[in-house]
Amino acid sequence: MSVPGNKLLSLSFALPEQVAAGVTAALQSWARDKRVQRIWERDPKVWTGGKEGEWLGWLSAPRDGLEHIKQYEDFARDVKAGGYTDVLLLGMGGSSLGPEVLKEVFGHVPGWPELHVLDSTDPEQVAEMAAKVDLAKTLFIVSSKSGSTLEPNILFAYFWAAAEKALGKPPGAHFVAVTDPNSSMEKTAKEHGFGHIFFGNAQIGGRYSVLSPFGMVPAAAAGYNVRGLLENALLMAEACTNVPPEVNPGVELGLALGVAATRLDCDKVTYVGSKKLAAVGAWLEQLIAESTGKIGKGLVPIDAEALSGPEAYGRDRFFVDLRLAGEAPNPKLKPLEAAGFPVVDIQLADLLQLGQAFFLFEFATAVAGVELGIDPFDQPDVEFSKVETRKLTTAYGETGKLPPEEPFAVDGDLAFYANPKNAEALSKAAGGRLDAVSLLKAQLERVKPGDYVGLLAYIARTPGHIAWAQEVRHMLRDGLHVATAAEFGPRFLHSTGQAYKGGPNTGVFLQVTSDKAKDLEIPGHPYTFGVVQAAQARGDFDVLAARDRRALRVHIRGPLEEGLKKLERDLKTALKGS
């Protein structure tokens, strides 16, 4: 098969001596046990001997995609002929993060509709997207493996009604479903007369699905080179097939990650992408966190944290750089390398080699899972959050309100919530003072070397709020010398949320919620988007507390922007005193 350039991406390692020695020993063990061959034979005993063999459909995704390339290319021609100005993908987790990377990397192709991705229940963010696109000229892709995930279903309900109003008729021809066979989404799509239905492979989990129809259908609709992406992915798949471990890029990268985590507690995988490839980090977060963060073990991905000097970091960091050939490496990586931090440099010859990078990271994550001794294909703690959210939305449907809750402290427009154990610990550490600065100081003092801070914001993911979160996380990193994550709910629930609840108990969390100035009704449902988001935040927080995580929730009453500024000021003051 002809492959553009017929060339693999460049992969190089700078590993401290102890990690390098561990990788060398592990490579010998892998060769002796024929583990690469057994992965391709789908032997679950490579991992835990559980159901892993049933979740390896991603190994053949590039080849399967190329066998169905005509289907993608025919669809692309239909979309272009349809005169659409926009393509709006409604999804969550694996259904949205891969397409979002493609959209950010390849952008808007002239002559084709512009791809947008919506994976939020925040009413402000939903309304903003509805106003951004021309609803009468938009192709909607509803993407859900099971069809039972809450977010794509309520987003579908909202945009179906909105499109019907804009078109003045049932909008089925403007809708596309990407789902697994026999799912409830297939049934919904058939009942509503969707224009197209694409089926995924039921043996591919969401986070491994970017090279399946879940990533390639939106790519085709936006006019991206699906054939080129898949041909590149196939080249990497062949490089990870039956070749010796020491020349297998997926094994090398996976063992470096796994050995560093298990032998040096170097488990904070810090993604450093060049500007063009920065968006890959959000997809990588889900792949790594949801695959490895469970039964108290795992790798903790750190995305979008700006690089600093060695003095800013603990010894728990592993840096992965991804850039285009010809782009200079981040100058701050060299000092880190010289200081003994493990650094991996990955260079793409061109953007289509992103297909190679997707497969490389997938294979490496599966390999790291072997070293960690876990099943890298389940996600038990994501399900717990869904259950807790469902309890709350069901209660709302029955009573018209969410179950009551009381803050354990209030300071002006900031109200603080925690479970009894966390509230008691914080109150005691604060010396009984329950003002915002004292409580935040008590929470920050719980952060120890090797921990990380998770800033979990259930507010609209706008450029302004992203900038606020970045400002706060870097202030905390530099003040506490620990890794930081800045995430927006509910999208991280289907991504890093798994590692936060099921991975190492090294996270210290500050959840941020707010009153909603405006809310949106959801057609056919008893609750609003604001109620769903509030239920998701409370469900998430309950599971964090149930897993004995150090978690504090601050709820902003009144104007959000003023509340965020006050919270930042109070955190700064608390940090100076911690």
Protein backbone atom coordinates (compact mmCIF):
# COMPACT_ATOMS: atom_id res chain seq x y z
CA MET A 1 0.00 0.00 0.00
CA SER A 2 1.31 3.43 -0.92
CA VAL A 3 2.00 5.65 2.06
CA PRO A 4 2.76 9.37 1.75
CA GLY A 5 6.49 9.71 2.22
CA ASN A 6 6.65 6.12 3.45
CA LYS A 7 8.40 7.51 6.48
CA LEU A 8 7.98 7.13 10.20
CA LEU A 9 7.88 10.02 12.62
CA SER A 10 11.05 10.67 14.61
CA LEU A 11 11.20 9.45 18.21
CA SER A 12 14.11 10.07 20.57
CA PHE A 13 14.65 9.62 24.29
CA ALA A 14 16.68 11.36 26.98
CA LEU A 15 16.24 9.15 30.04
CA PRO A 16 18.01 9.22 33.39
CA GLU A 17 20.29 6.25 33.95
CA GLN A 18 17.96 4.35 36.29
CA VAL A 19 15.03 4.59 33.85
CA ALA A 20 17.20 3.70 30.85
CA ALA A 21 18.51 0.61 32.65
CA GLY A 22 14.99 -0.39 33.60
CA VAL A 23 13.79 0.00 30.03
CA THR A 24 16.68 -2.14 28.75
CA ALA A 25 15.79 -4.91 31.21
CA ALA A 26 12.10 -4.63 30.33
CA LEU A 27 12.85 -4.87 26.60
CA GLN A 28 14.63 -8.14 27.23
CA SER A 29 11.69 -9.41 29.24
CA TRP A 30 9.26 -8.40 26.51
CA ALA A 31 11.32 -10.20 23.86
CA ARG A 32 11.62 -13.32 26.01
CA ASP A 33 7.86 -13.46 26.67
CA LYS A 34 6.91 -12.57 23.08
CA ARG A 35 4.53 -9.93 24.41
CA VAL A 36 4.30 -7.89 21.19
CA GLN A 37 3.24 -10.96 19.28
CA ARG A 38 0.75 -11.83 22.02
CA ILE A 39 -0.76 -8.33 21.94
CA TRP A 40 -1.49 -8.73 18.25
CA GLU A 41 -2.88 -12.20 18.98
CA ARG A 42 -5.14 -10.42 21.49
CA ASP A 43 -3.97 -12.41 24.50
CA PRO A 44 -5.49 -10.82 27.65
CA LYS A 45 -2.84 -12.49 29.81
CA VAL A 46 -0.40 -9.86 28.60
CA TRP A 47 -2.32 -7.61 31.02
CA THR A 48 -4.47 -9.03 33.82
CA GLY A 49 -6.13 -11.95 32.01
CA GLY A 50 -9.49 -10.20 32.17
CA LYS A 51 -11.51 -8.85 29.25
CA GLU A 52 -8.65 -6.98 27.58
CA GLY A 53 -8.78 -9.17 24.47
CA GLU A 54 -12.29 -7.90 23.77
CA TRP A 55 -11.08 -4.27 23.54
CA LEU A 56 -8.30 -4.47 20.98
CA GLY A 57 -10.27 -3.52 17.88
CA TRP A 58 -8.16 -0.34 17.65
CA LEU A 59 -5.18 -2.43 16.53
CA SER A 60 -6.82 -2.92 13.14
CA ALA A 61 -8.58 0.47 12.93
CA PRO A 62 -6.20 1.95 10.31
CA ARG A 63 -6.51 -1.05 8.01
CA ASP A 64 -10.28 -1.30 8.57
CA GLY A 65 -10.65 2.40 7.78
CA LEU A 66 -8.74 2.12 4.53
CA GLU A 67 -10.88 -0.84 3.51
CA HIS A 68 -13.90 1.46 3.89
CA ILE A 69 -12.29 4.61 2.52
CA LYS A 70 -14.84 4.89 -0.29
CA GLN A 71 -17.57 5.24 2.33
CA TYR A 72 -15.75 8.19 3.88
CA GLU A 73 -15.00 9.81 0.54
CA ASP A 74 -18.58 9.40 -0.74
CA PHE A 75 -19.83 10.97 2.50
CA ALA A 76 -17.42 13.87 2.11
CA ARG A 77 -18.71 14.56 -1.40
CA ASP A 78 -22.31 14.49 -0.11
CA VAL A 79 -21.48 16.98 2.62
CA LYS A 80 -19.75 19.34 0.23
CA ALA A 81 -22.61 19.11 -2.26
CA GLY A 82 -25.06 19.83 0.57
CA GLY A 83 -23.87 23.43 0.83
CA TYR A 84 -23.35 23.32 4.59
CA THR A 85 -21.45 26.16 6.21
CA ASP A 86 -20.79 24.34 9.49
CA VAL A 87 -20.45 20.85 10.93
CA LEU A 88 -21.32 20.62 14.62
CA LEU A 89 -20.22 17.48 16.45
CA LEU A 90 -22.19 16.74 19.61
CA GLY A 91 -20.30 14.27 21.78
CA MET A 92 -18.29 13.66 24.91
CA GLY A 93 -14.96 12.10 25.83
CA GLY A 94 -13.64 9.80 23.13
CA SER A 95 -16.33 10.98 20.74
CA SER A 96 -15.30 14.62 20.99
CA LEU A 97 -11.64 14.93 21.99
CA GLY A 98 -10.20 13.24 18.87
CA PRO A 99 -12.31 15.34 16.47
CA GLU A 100 -11.39 18.44 18.48
CA VAL A 101 -7.68 17.73 17.91
CA LEU A 102 -8.31 17.33 14.16
CA LYS A 103 -10.25 20.59 14.08
CA GLU A 104 -7.52 22.50 15.92
CA VAL A 105 -4.69 21.01 13.84
CA PHE A 106 -6.23 21.15 10.36
CA GLY A 107 -8.56 24.13 10.85
CA HIS A 108 -11.09 25.32 8.31
CA VAL A 109 -10.44 24.03 4.77
CA PRO A 110 -11.57 26.55 2.14
CA GLY A 111 -14.63 25.33 0.25
CA TRP A 112 -15.69 23.01 3.07
CA PRO A 113 -17.90 23.55 6.13
CA GLU A 114 -16.16 24.54 9.35
CA LEU A 115 -16.00 21.84 12.03
CA HIS A 116 -17.08 22.69 15.58
CA VAL A 117 -17.12 20.41 18.63
CA LEU A 118 -19.45 20.82 21.60
CA ASP A 119 -18.90 18.70 24.71
CA SER A 120 -20.38 20.83 27.48
CA THR A 121 -23.59 21.08 29.45
CA ASP A 122 -22.86 24.63 30.54
CA PRO A 123 -25.89 26.66 29.35
CA GLU A 124 -23.73 29.66 28.42
CA GLN A 125 -21.46 27.50 26.27
CA VAL A 126 -24.37 25.69 24.59
CA ALA A 127 -26.14 28.97 23.80
CA GLU A 128 -22.94 30.48 22.46
CA MET A 129 -22.47 27.57 20.03
CA ALA A 130 -26.10 27.76 18.90
CA ALA A 131 -25.58 31.44 18.08
CA LYS A 132 -22.24 30.80 16.39
CA VAL A 133 -23.45 28.48 13.62
CA ASP A 134 -26.11 28.95 10.93
CA LEU A 135 -28.58 26.34 12.20
CA ALA A 136 -30.28 25.99 8.80
CA LYS A 137 -26.94 25.30 7.07
CA THR A 138 -25.31 23.12 9.72
CA LEU A 139 -24.69 19.37 9.55
CA PHE A 140 -25.05 17.88 13.03
CA ILE A 141 -23.02 14.77 13.94
CA VAL A 142 -24.34 13.07 17.06
CA SER A 143 -21.56 10.83 18.26
CA SER A 144 -22.05 8.28 21.02
CA LYS A 145 -20.81 4.68 21.27
CA SER A 146 -23.51 3.36 23.54
CA GLY A 147 -26.14 5.94 22.77
CA SER A 148 -26.90 6.11 26.49
CA THR A 149 -24.43 8.84 27.48
CA LEU A 150 -26.29 11.80 28.95
CA GLU A 151 -24.48 14.69 27.29
CA PRO A 152 -24.83 13.83 23.57
CA ASN A 153 -28.46 12.86 24.14
CA ILE A 154 -29.50 16.18 25.68
CA LEU A 155 -27.39 18.14 23.18
CA PHE A 156 -29.17 16.22 20.41
CA ALA A 157 -32.58 17.09 21.93
CA TYR A 158 -31.67 20.77 22.07
CA PHE A 159 -30.17 21.11 18.58
CA TRP A 160 -32.82 18.94 16.92
CA ALA A 161 -35.49 21.36 18.15
CA ALA A 162 -33.36 24.37 17.21
CA ALA A 163 -32.68 23.05 13.69
CA GLU A 164 -36.33 22.16 13.18
CA LYS A 165 -37.31 25.70 14.09
CA ALA A 166 -34.65 27.18 11.78
CA LEU A 167 -35.59 24.94 8.82
CA GLY A 168 -39.35 24.92 9.37
CA LYS A 169 -39.45 21.15 8.89
CA PRO A 170 -38.07 17.95 10.47
CA PRO A 171 -34.28 18.26 10.09
CA GLY A 172 -33.38 14.55 9.85
CA ALA A 173 -31.40 14.94 6.61
CA HIS A 174 -29.12 17.40 8.43
CA PHE A 175 -28.22 14.86 11.13
CA VAL A 176 -25.60 12.09 11.13
CA ALA A 177 -25.11 9.44 13.81
CA VAL A 178 -21.83 7.75 14.69
CA THR A 179 -22.51 4.92 17.10
CA ASP A 180 -22.01 1.24 17.80
CA PRO A 181 -24.34 -1.28 16.13
CA ASN A 182 -27.64 -1.95 17.95
CA SER A 183 -27.20 1.03 20.27
CA SER A 184 -30.05 3.25 21.41
CA MET A 185 -28.53 6.01 19.25
CA GLU A 186 -28.99 3.81 16.17
CA LYS A 187 -32.65 3.46 17.11
CA THR A 188 -32.99 7.22 17.65
CA ALA A 189 -31.32 7.97 14.32
CA LYS A 190 -33.61 5.61 12.41
CA GLU A 191 -36.73 6.96 14.13
CA HIS A 192 -35.76 10.53 13.27
CA GLY A 193 -34.70 9.80 9.70
CA PHE A 194 -31.03 10.78 10.00
CA GLY A 195 -29.29 11.31 6.67
CA HIS A 196 -26.42 8.96 7.53
CA ILE A 197 -25.59 6.41 10.21
CA PHE A 198 -21.99 5.26 10.63
CA PHE A 199 -21.14 2.32 12.85
CA GLY A 200 -18.08 2.04 15.04
CA ASN A 201 -16.35 -1.13 16.16
CA ALA A 202 -17.85 -2.31 19.46
CA GLN A 203 -14.38 -3.63 20.39
CA ILE A 204 -12.87 -0.15 20.42
CA GLY A 205 -13.21 1.94 23.58
CA GLY A 206 -13.94 5.63 23.17
CA ARG A 207 -10.44 6.86 23.97
CA TYR A 208 -8.95 4.54 21.33
CA SER A 209 -11.51 5.49 18.67
CA VAL A 210 -9.99 8.49 16.88
CA LEU A 211 -8.87 6.38 13.89
CA SER A 212 -12.31 4.71 13.67
CA PRO A 213 -15.51 6.36 12.34
CA PHE A 214 -15.70 8.41 15.57
CA GLY A 215 -12.75 10.47 14.35
CA MET A 216 -12.81 9.91 10.61
CA VAL A 217 -16.48 10.82 9.93
CA PRO A 218 -16.14 14.40 11.26
CA ALA A 219 -12.75 14.61 9.53
CA ALA A 220 -14.33 13.64 6.20
CA ALA A 221 -17.16 16.14 6.69
CA ALA A 222 -14.66 18.95 7.24
CA GLY A 223 -12.68 18.07 4.09
CA TYR A 224 -9.61 16.66 5.86
CA ASN A 225 -7.38 14.04 4.21
CA VAL A 226 -8.81 10.91 5.82
CA ARG A 227 -6.95 8.59 3.48
CA GLY A 228 -3.62 10.23 4.31
CA LEU A 229 -4.25 10.06 8.08
CA LEU A 230 -5.17 6.37 7.92
CA GLU A 231 -2.26 5.45 5.64
CA ASN A 232 0.11 7.09 8.09
CA ALA A 233 -1.56 5.34 11.02
CA LEU A 234 -1.18 2.01 9.21
CA LEU A 235 2.52 2.66 8.74
CA MET A 236 2.91 3.12 12.49
CA ALA A 237 0.73 0.08 13.20
CA GLU A 238 3.05 -2.01 11.03
CA ALA A 239 6.05 -0.59 12.89
CA CYS A 240 4.44 -1.74 16.15
CA THR A 241 3.58 -5.21 14.86
CA ASN A 242 5.75 -8.26 14.88
CA VAL A 243 9.10 -6.55 15.22
CA PRO A 244 11.59 -6.91 18.08
CA PRO A 245 10.71 -4.76 21.11
CA GLU A 246 13.98 -2.82 20.89
CA VAL A 247 12.99 -1.40 17.49
CA ASN A 248 9.28 -1.11 18.21
CA PRO A 249 8.40 2.58 18.79
CA GLY A 250 5.19 1.83 20.69
CA VAL A 251 6.95 -0.56 23.06
CA GLU A 252 9.88 1.80 23.61
CA LEU A 253 7.64 4.73 24.50
CA GLY A 254 5.29 2.63 26.63
CA LEU A 255 8.12 1.05 28.60
CA ALA A 256 9.77 4.42 29.22
CA LEU A 257 6.50 5.72 30.69
CA GLY A 258 5.76 2.56 32.65
CA VAL A 259 9.26 2.04 34.02
CA ALA A 260 9.63 5.69 35.09
CA ALA A 261 6.32 5.52 36.95
CA THR A 262 6.83 2.19 38.66
CA ARG A 263 10.50 2.52 39.59
CA LEU A 264 10.92 6.25 40.22
CA ASP A 265 7.37 7.42 41.03
CA CYS A 266 7.87 9.64 38.00
CA ASP A 267 4.21 9.51 37.04
CA LYS A 268 3.20 13.05 35.98
CA VAL A 269 3.31 12.83 32.19
CA THR A 270 3.66 16.44 31.10
CA TYR A 271 2.71 17.11 27.49
CA VAL A 272 4.68 19.82 25.68
CA GLY A 273 3.24 20.39 22.23
CA SER A 274 4.32 23.04 19.77
CA LYS A 275 1.68 25.69 19.03
CA LYS A 276 0.36 23.78 15.98
CA LEU A 277 0.10 20.53 17.94
CA ALA A 278 -0.93 21.89 21.33
CA ALA A 279 -4.46 20.50 21.02
CA VAL A 280 -3.19 16.91 21.02
CA GLY A 281 -2.70 17.24 24.77
CA ALA A 282 -6.44 17.13 25.56
CA TRP A 283 -6.83 13.87 23.63
CA LEU A 284 -3.70 12.44 25.22
CA GLU A 285 -5.00 13.33 28.66
CA GLN A 286 -8.01 11.09 28.18
CA LEU A 287 -6.01 8.26 26.65
CA ILE A 288 -3.48 8.19 29.49
CA ALA A 289 -5.73 9.00 32.45
CA GLU A 290 -8.68 6.81 31.57
CA SER A 291 -6.44 3.92 30.52
CA THR A 292 -3.97 3.84 33.39
CA GLY A 293 -5.53 5.61 36.39
CA LYS A 294 -7.21 2.84 38.36
CA ILE A 295 -6.85 0.54 41.41
CA GLY A 296 -4.64 3.19 43.01
CA LYS A 297 -2.07 3.12 40.21
CA GLY A 298 -1.50 5.11 37.07
CA LEU A 299 0.01 7.91 35.09
CA VAL A 300 -1.33 11.43 35.71
CA PRO A 301 -1.35 13.49 32.50
CA ILE A 302 -0.53 17.18 32.75
CA ASP A 303 -1.63 19.23 29.75
CA ALA A 304 -1.23 22.92 28.88
CA GLU A 305 0.97 23.77 31.84
CA ALA A 306 3.63 26.20 30.60
CA LEU A 307 7.22 25.03 30.93
CA SER A 308 9.42 26.49 33.61
CA GLY A 309 12.92 25.90 34.95
CA PRO A 310 13.95 22.74 36.84
CA GLU A 311 13.47 24.51 40.15
CA ALA A 312 9.71 24.64 39.59
CA TYR A 313 9.30 20.86 39.54
CA GLY A 314 9.39 17.91 41.84
CA ARG A 315 11.11 14.71 40.69
CA ASP A 316 7.81 13.19 39.59
CA ARG A 317 7.78 14.71 36.09
CA PHE A 318 8.09 12.99 32.68
CA PHE A 319 8.07 15.34 29.69
CA VAL A 320 6.73 14.40 26.22
CA ASP A 321 7.41 16.91 23.46
CA LEU A 322 5.51 16.77 20.13
CA ARG A 323 6.42 19.10 17.29
CA LEU A 324 6.74 19.38 13.55
CA ALA A 325 10.13 18.78 11.97
CA GLY A 326 11.76 22.13 11.45
CA GLU A 327 10.14 23.62 14.54
CA ALA A 328 12.71 24.35 17.22
CA PRO A 329 12.26 22.41 20.47
CA ASN A 330 11.08 24.38 23.46
CA PRO A 331 14.31 25.92 24.82
CA LYS A 332 13.23 25.11 28.37
CA LEU A 333 13.44 21.36 27.71
CA LYS A 334 17.24 21.25 27.54
CA PRO A 335 17.75 22.46 31.13
CA LEU A 336 15.17 19.90 32.27
CA GLU A 337 16.98 17.17 30.38
CA ALA A 338 20.28 18.26 31.88
CA ALA A 339 18.73 18.20 35.34
CA GLY A 340 17.88 14.52 34.89
CA PHE A 341 14.21 14.65 34.01
CA PRO A 342 13.10 12.06 31.41
CA VAL A 343 12.28 13.77 28.10
CA VAL A 344 10.85 12.22 24.95
CA ASP A 345 11.00 14.15 21.69
CA ILE A 346 8.59 13.26 18.88
CA GLN A 347 8.82 15.03 15.53
CA LEU A 348 6.27 14.79 12.72
CA ALA A 349 7.51 15.30 9.17
CA ASP A 350 4.11 16.79 8.29
CA LEU A 351 0.65 17.13 9.80
CA LEU A 352 -0.64 13.88 8.26
CA GLN A 353 1.80 12.02 10.49
CA LEU A 354 -0.63 12.92 13.25
CA GLY A 355 -2.23 9.60 12.26
CA GLN A 356 1.03 7.92 13.24
CA ALA A 357 1.15 9.80 16.53
CA PHE A 358 -2.38 8.69 17.42
CA PHE A 359 -1.49 5.02 16.95
CA LEU A 360 1.90 5.38 18.63
CA PHE A 361 0.37 6.83 21.80
CA GLU A 362 -2.39 4.21 21.82
CA PHE A 363 0.08 1.34 21.58
CA ALA A 364 2.44 2.92 24.12
CA THR A 365 -0.40 3.42 26.61
CA ALA A 366 -1.39 -0.23 26.27
CA VAL A 367 2.25 -1.20 26.89
CA ALA A 368 2.52 1.09 29.93
CA GLY A 369 -0.57 -0.64 31.27
CA VAL A 370 1.33 -3.93 31.24
CA GLU A 371 4.11 -2.42 33.36
CA LEU A 372 1.57 -0.92 35.77
CA GLY A 373 -0.26 -4.23 36.12
CA ILE A 374 -3.70 -2.88 35.21
CA ASP A 375 -6.39 -3.35 32.58
CA PRO A 376 -5.88 -0.31 30.33
CA PHE A 377 -9.24 -0.70 28.61
CA ASP A 378 -11.81 -0.37 31.40
CA GLN A 379 -12.88 2.85 33.16
CA PRO A 380 -14.78 1.83 36.33
CA ASP A 381 -14.72 5.20 38.06
CA VAL A 382 -16.23 7.09 35.11
CA GLU A 383 -19.26 4.88 35.56
CA PHE A 384 -19.54 5.78 39.27
CA SER A 385 -19.79 9.48 38.42
CA LYS A 386 -22.50 8.75 35.87
CA VAL A 387 -24.46 6.82 38.49
CA GLU A 388 -24.26 9.65 41.02
CA THR A 389 -25.31 12.22 38.42
CA ARG A 390 -28.23 10.05 37.37
CA LYS A 391 -29.44 9.83 40.98
CA LEU A 392 -29.49 13.62 41.24
CA THR A 393 -31.19 14.30 37.89
CA THR A 394 -33.76 11.60 38.69
CA ALA A 395 -34.46 13.28 42.03
CA TYR A 396 -34.90 16.58 40.21
CA GLY A 397 -37.34 15.00 37.77
CA GLU A 398 -39.41 13.65 40.68
CA THR A 399 -39.39 16.71 42.93
CA GLY A 400 -38.54 19.69 40.73
CA LYS A 401 -35.37 20.44 42.68
CA LEU A 402 -32.02 18.94 43.52
CA PRO A 403 -31.62 17.46 47.03
CA PRO A 404 -30.76 20.24 49.53
CA GLU A 405 -27.17 20.77 50.65
CA GLU A 406 -25.60 23.12 53.16
CA PRO A 407 -22.17 24.77 52.97
CA PHE A 408 -19.96 24.27 56.00
CA ALA A 409 -18.66 27.81 55.60
CA VAL A 410 -19.63 31.04 53.82
CA ASP A 411 -17.48 34.10 53.19
CA GLY A 412 -19.33 36.78 51.24
CA ASP A 413 -20.21 35.37 47.83
CA LEU A 414 -18.05 32.27 48.32
CA ALA A 415 -19.70 29.21 49.88
CA PHE A 416 -17.59 26.17 50.82
CA TYR A 417 -18.70 22.55 50.67
CA ALA A 418 -16.99 19.31 51.66
CA ASN A 419 -17.93 15.94 53.08
CA PRO A 420 -17.78 15.71 56.91
CA LYS A 421 -14.26 14.26 56.97
CA ASN A 422 -12.77 16.94 54.71
CA ALA A 423 -14.75 19.73 56.39
CA GLU A 424 -13.52 18.66 59.82
CA ALA A 425 -9.91 18.42 58.65
CA LEU A 426 -10.02 21.82 56.99
CA SER A 427 -11.77 23.52 59.92
CA LYS A 428 -9.24 22.06 62.35
CA ALA A 429 -6.27 23.06 60.19
CA ALA A 430 -7.73 26.57 59.86
CA GLY A 431 -7.91 26.85 63.67
CA GLY A 432 -11.67 27.17 63.51
CA ARG A 433 -11.48 30.21 61.25
CA LEU A 434 -13.93 29.70 58.40
CA ASP A 435 -13.14 32.66 56.18
CA ALA A 436 -12.11 32.00 52.57
CA VAL A 437 -8.40 32.68 52.97
CA SER A 438 -8.06 30.46 56.05
CA LEU A 439 -9.89 27.56 54.40
CA LEU A 440 -7.97 27.85 51.14
CA LYS A 441 -4.70 28.04 53.08
CA ALA A 442 -5.66 24.89 54.96
CA GLN A 443 -6.43 23.13 51.68
CA LEU A 444 -3.12 24.18 50.09
CA GLU A 445 -1.19 23.02 53.15
CA ARG A 446 -2.44 19.51 52.47
CA VAL A 447 -0.35 19.43 49.28
CA LYS A 448 2.83 17.39 49.74
CA PRO A 449 5.78 16.62 47.43
CA GLY A 450 4.68 14.20 44.72
CA ASP A 451 1.08 15.41 44.86
CA TYR A 452 -0.73 17.36 42.18
CA VAL A 453 -3.41 20.04 42.39
CA GLY A 454 -6.57 19.66 40.33
CA LEU A 455 -8.56 22.82 39.59
CA LEU A 456 -11.94 21.52 38.46
CA ALA A 457 -14.17 24.30 37.12
CA TYR A 458 -17.81 23.69 36.29
CA ILE A 459 -18.18 26.94 34.36
CA ALA A 460 -18.29 27.81 30.65
CA ARG A 461 -15.04 26.94 28.89
CA THR A 462 -14.53 30.39 27.37
CA PRO A 463 -11.17 31.95 26.46
CA GLY A 464 -11.48 34.25 29.47
CA HIS A 465 -12.15 31.41 31.89
CA ILE A 466 -9.35 29.30 30.39
CA ALA A 467 -6.98 32.24 30.93
CA TRP A 468 -8.19 32.54 34.56
CA ALA A 469 -7.62 28.84 35.20
CA GLN A 470 -4.15 28.98 33.63
CA GLU A 471 -3.19 31.98 35.76
CA VAL A 472 -4.33 30.24 38.94
CA ARG A 473 -2.68 26.89 38.16
CA HIS A 474 0.69 28.44 37.39
CA MET A 475 0.50 30.48 40.58
CA LEU A 476 -0.11 27.23 42.49
CA ARG A 477 2.60 25.32 40.65
CA ASP A 478 5.23 27.94 41.32
CA GLY A 479 4.13 28.36 44.92
CA LEU A 480 3.82 24.69 45.81
CA HIS A 481 6.26 23.07 43.33
CA VAL A 482 3.79 20.40 42.30
CA ALA A 483 2.06 19.43 39.08
CA THR A 484 -1.23 21.14 38.30
CA ALA A 485 -4.25 20.30 36.18
CA ALA A 486 -6.83 22.85 35.06
CA GLU A 487 -10.00 21.14 33.86
CA PHE A 488 -13.53 22.11 32.89
CA GLY A 489 -16.58 20.07 33.80
CA PRO A 490 -18.22 17.99 32.63
CA ARG A 491 -15.78 17.19 29.83
CA PHE A 492 -12.99 16.04 32.14
CA LEU A 493 -15.37 13.53 33.78
CA HIS A 494 -14.95 11.39 30.69
CA SER A 495 -11.22 12.00 30.56
CA THR A 496 -8.93 12.70 33.49
CA GLY A 497 -11.78 12.09 35.95
CA GLN A 498 -11.00 8.39 35.93
CA ALA A 499 -7.43 8.92 37.20
CA TYR A 500 -8.51 11.54 39.75
CA LYS A 501 -10.82 9.02 41.42
CA GLY A 502 -9.23 5.68 40.62
CA GLY A 503 -5.54 6.51 40.23
CA PRO A 504 -2.93 7.29 42.89
CA ASN A 505 -4.37 9.22 45.84
CA THR A 506 -2.00 12.13 45.22
CA GLY A 507 -4.53 14.69 44.01
CA VAL A 508 -5.65 17.71 46.02
CA PHE A 509 -8.77 19.14 44.41
CA LEU A 510 -10.47 22.51 44.35
CA GLN A 511 -13.81 22.30 42.58
CA VAL A 512 -15.39 25.59 41.42
CA THR A 513 -19.11 25.93 40.73
CA SER A 514 -21.36 28.95 40.30
CA ASP A 515 -24.91 30.19 40.10
CA LYS A 516 -26.14 30.41 36.50
CA ALA A 517 -27.10 33.86 35.26
CA LYS A 518 -28.99 32.25 32.38
CA ASP A 519 -30.21 28.71 31.88
CA LEU A 520 -31.52 26.70 28.93
CA GLU A 521 -34.47 24.35 28.76
CA ILE A 522 -33.88 20.90 27.25
CA PRO A 523 -36.81 19.84 25.03
CA GLY A 524 -38.45 16.66 26.30
CA HIS A 525 -36.60 16.64 29.62
CA PRO A 526 -37.73 17.80 33.08
CA TYR A 527 -34.41 19.49 33.84
CA THR A 528 -32.33 22.28 32.31
CA PHE A 529 -28.69 22.32 31.20
CA GLY A 530 -27.87 24.25 34.38
CA VAL A 531 -29.45 21.55 36.54
CA VAL A 532 -27.54 18.82 34.69
CA GLN A 533 -24.23 20.63 35.14
CA ALA A 534 -24.93 21.18 38.85
CA ALA A 535 -25.80 17.48 39.25
CA GLN A 536 -22.62 16.47 37.45
CA ALA A 537 -20.51 18.67 39.72
CA ARG A 538 -22.13 17.31 42.87
CA GLY A 539 -21.95 13.72 41.65
CA ASP A 540 -18.29 14.13 40.77
CA PHE A 541 -17.54 15.70 44.14
CA ASP A 542 -19.38 12.94 46.02
CA VAL A 543 -17.31 10.27 44.29
CA LEU A 544 -14.05 12.13 44.97
CA ALA A 545 -14.97 12.31 48.66
CA ALA A 546 -16.04 8.66 48.72
CA ARG A 547 -12.58 7.77 47.38
CA ASP A 548 -11.00 9.65 50.31
CA ARG A 549 -9.65 12.40 48.08
CA ARG A 550 -8.68 15.76 49.58
CA ALA A 551 -11.46 17.78 47.96
CA LEU A 552 -12.91 21.22 48.64
CA ARG A 553 -15.69 22.83 46.64
CA VAL A 554 -16.14 26.59 46.40
CA HIS A 555 -19.43 27.85 44.99
CA ILE A 556 -19.59 31.38 43.63
CA ARG A 557 -22.82 33.12 44.42
CA GLY A 558 -23.67 36.17 42.38
CA PRO A 559 -21.67 37.53 39.43
CA LEU A 560 -19.23 34.87 38.22
CA GLU A 561 -16.43 37.12 36.99
CA GLU A 562 -16.26 39.03 40.28
CA GLY A 563 -16.31 35.74 42.18
CA LEU A 564 -13.45 34.32 40.13
CA LYS A 565 -11.35 37.45 40.79
CA LYS A 566 -12.02 37.21 44.53
CA LEU A 567 -11.18 33.51 44.55
CA GLU A 568 -7.89 34.20 42.76
CA ARG A 569 -7.03 36.98 45.22
CA ASP A 570 -7.84 34.77 48.20
CA LEU A 571 -5.79 31.90 46.78
CA LYS A 572 -2.84 34.24 46.29
CA THR A 573 -3.10 35.43 49.88
CA ALA A 574 -3.49 31.87 51.14
CA LEU A 575 -0.49 30.73 49.14
CA LYS A 576 1.72 33.41 50.67
CA GLY A 577 0.78 32.16 54.11
CA SER A 578 0.95 28.44 53.45
